[in-house]
């Protein structure tokens, strides 16, 4: 599913010039459990395709790369 999503994005956008924001990194909503989260797989693959990947999740506390939602929304290119 992750690779399909990236292929679809590549067909619509010039990913190499984009900063992408991923909102929600936990496996389930309203939870801090990142085990089996496809968001991290998506981030890993997107990192090879885009200029920058920014992530945000208000519940996850173990990931030091997470940023505040407002910052991700400001920097992500839509």
Protein backbone atom coordinates (compact mmCIF):
# COMPACT_ATOMS: atom_id res chain seq x y z
CA UNK A 1 0.00 0.00 0.00
CA UNK A 2 2.81 2.41 0.85
CA UNK A 3 4.56 1.94 -2.48
CA UNK A 4 1.26 2.31 -4.33
CA UNK A 5 0.61 5.60 -2.55
CA UNK A 6 4.07 6.90 -3.45
CA UNK A 7 3.62 5.88 -7.09
CA UNK A 8 0.31 7.77 -7.20
CA UNK A 9 1.94 10.84 -5.65
CA UNK A 10 4.80 10.68 -8.17
CA UNK A 11 2.30 10.63 -11.02
CA UNK A 12 0.65 13.81 -9.73
CA UNK A 13 3.51 15.86 -8.27
CA UNK A 14 7.20 16.64 -8.67
CA UNK A 15 8.14 15.00 -5.39
CA UNK A 16 11.81 15.90 -5.58
CA UNK A 17 11.00 19.54 -4.86
CA UNK A 18 8.43 18.94 -2.13
CA UNK A 19 8.42 19.06 1.64
CA UNK A 20 5.88 16.49 2.79
CA UNK A 21 4.13 16.52 6.15
CA UNK A 22 2.88 13.30 7.72
CA UNK A 23 0.25 13.90 10.38
CA UNK A 24 -0.16 10.97 12.72
CA UNK A 25 2.55 8.41 13.25
CA UNK A 26 0.88 6.01 15.69
CA UNK A 27 -0.73 2.76 14.61
CA UNK A 28 -4.17 3.88 15.84
CA UNK A 29 -5.77 7.24 16.51
CA UNK A 30 -5.58 8.74 20.00
CA UNK A 31 -2.74 6.37 20.93
CA UNK A 32 1.05 6.47 21.32
CA UNK A 33 1.68 2.93 20.03
CA UNK A 34 3.90 3.07 16.95
CA UNK A 35 4.31 -0.70 16.55
CA UNK A 36 3.30 -1.82 13.04
CA UNK A 37 2.57 1.78 12.02
CA UNK A 38 2.64 2.18 8.25
CA UNK A 39 3.42 5.87 8.74
CA UNK A 40 7.05 5.03 9.51
CA UNK A 41 7.31 2.83 6.43
CA UNK A 42 5.83 5.65 4.36
CA UNK A 43 8.29 8.11 5.88
CA UNK A 44 11.23 5.83 5.09
CA UNK A 45 10.25 5.48 1.44
CA UNK A 46 9.27 9.13 1.02
CA UNK A 47 12.61 10.28 2.40
CA UNK A 48 14.24 8.85 -0.73
CA UNK A 49 11.79 10.66 -3.04
CA UNK A 50 11.17 14.12 -1.60
CA UNK A 51 13.15 17.13 -0.46
CA UNK A 52 12.11 16.72 3.19
CA UNK A 53 9.64 14.73 5.32
CA UNK A 54 8.22 16.34 8.44
CA UNK A 55 6.17 14.40 10.99
CA UNK A 56 3.77 15.27 13.75
CA UNK A 57 1.73 13.31 16.27
CA UNK A 58 0.39 14.73 19.54
CA UNK A 59 0.35 11.33 21.28
CA UNK A 60 3.71 9.81 20.31
CA UNK A 61 6.48 10.78 22.73
CA UNK A 62 9.30 8.38 21.81
CA UNK A 63 10.16 9.90 18.41
CA UNK A 64 12.53 12.85 18.76
CA UNK A 65 12.01 13.89 15.12
CA UNK A 66 8.35 14.81 15.63
CA UNK A 67 7.49 18.48 15.33
CA UNK A 68 4.53 20.56 16.43
CA UNK A 69 1.56 20.37 14.08
CA UNK A 70 1.67 24.10 13.31
CA UNK A 71 5.31 23.89 12.22
CA UNK A 72 4.66 20.93 9.91
CA UNK A 73 1.65 22.65 8.33
CA UNK A 74 3.63 25.85 7.72
CA UNK A 75 6.61 24.11 6.11
CA UNK A 76 4.84 21.44 4.06
CA UNK A 77 4.24 22.39 0.44
CA UNK A 78 0.75 21.67 -0.75
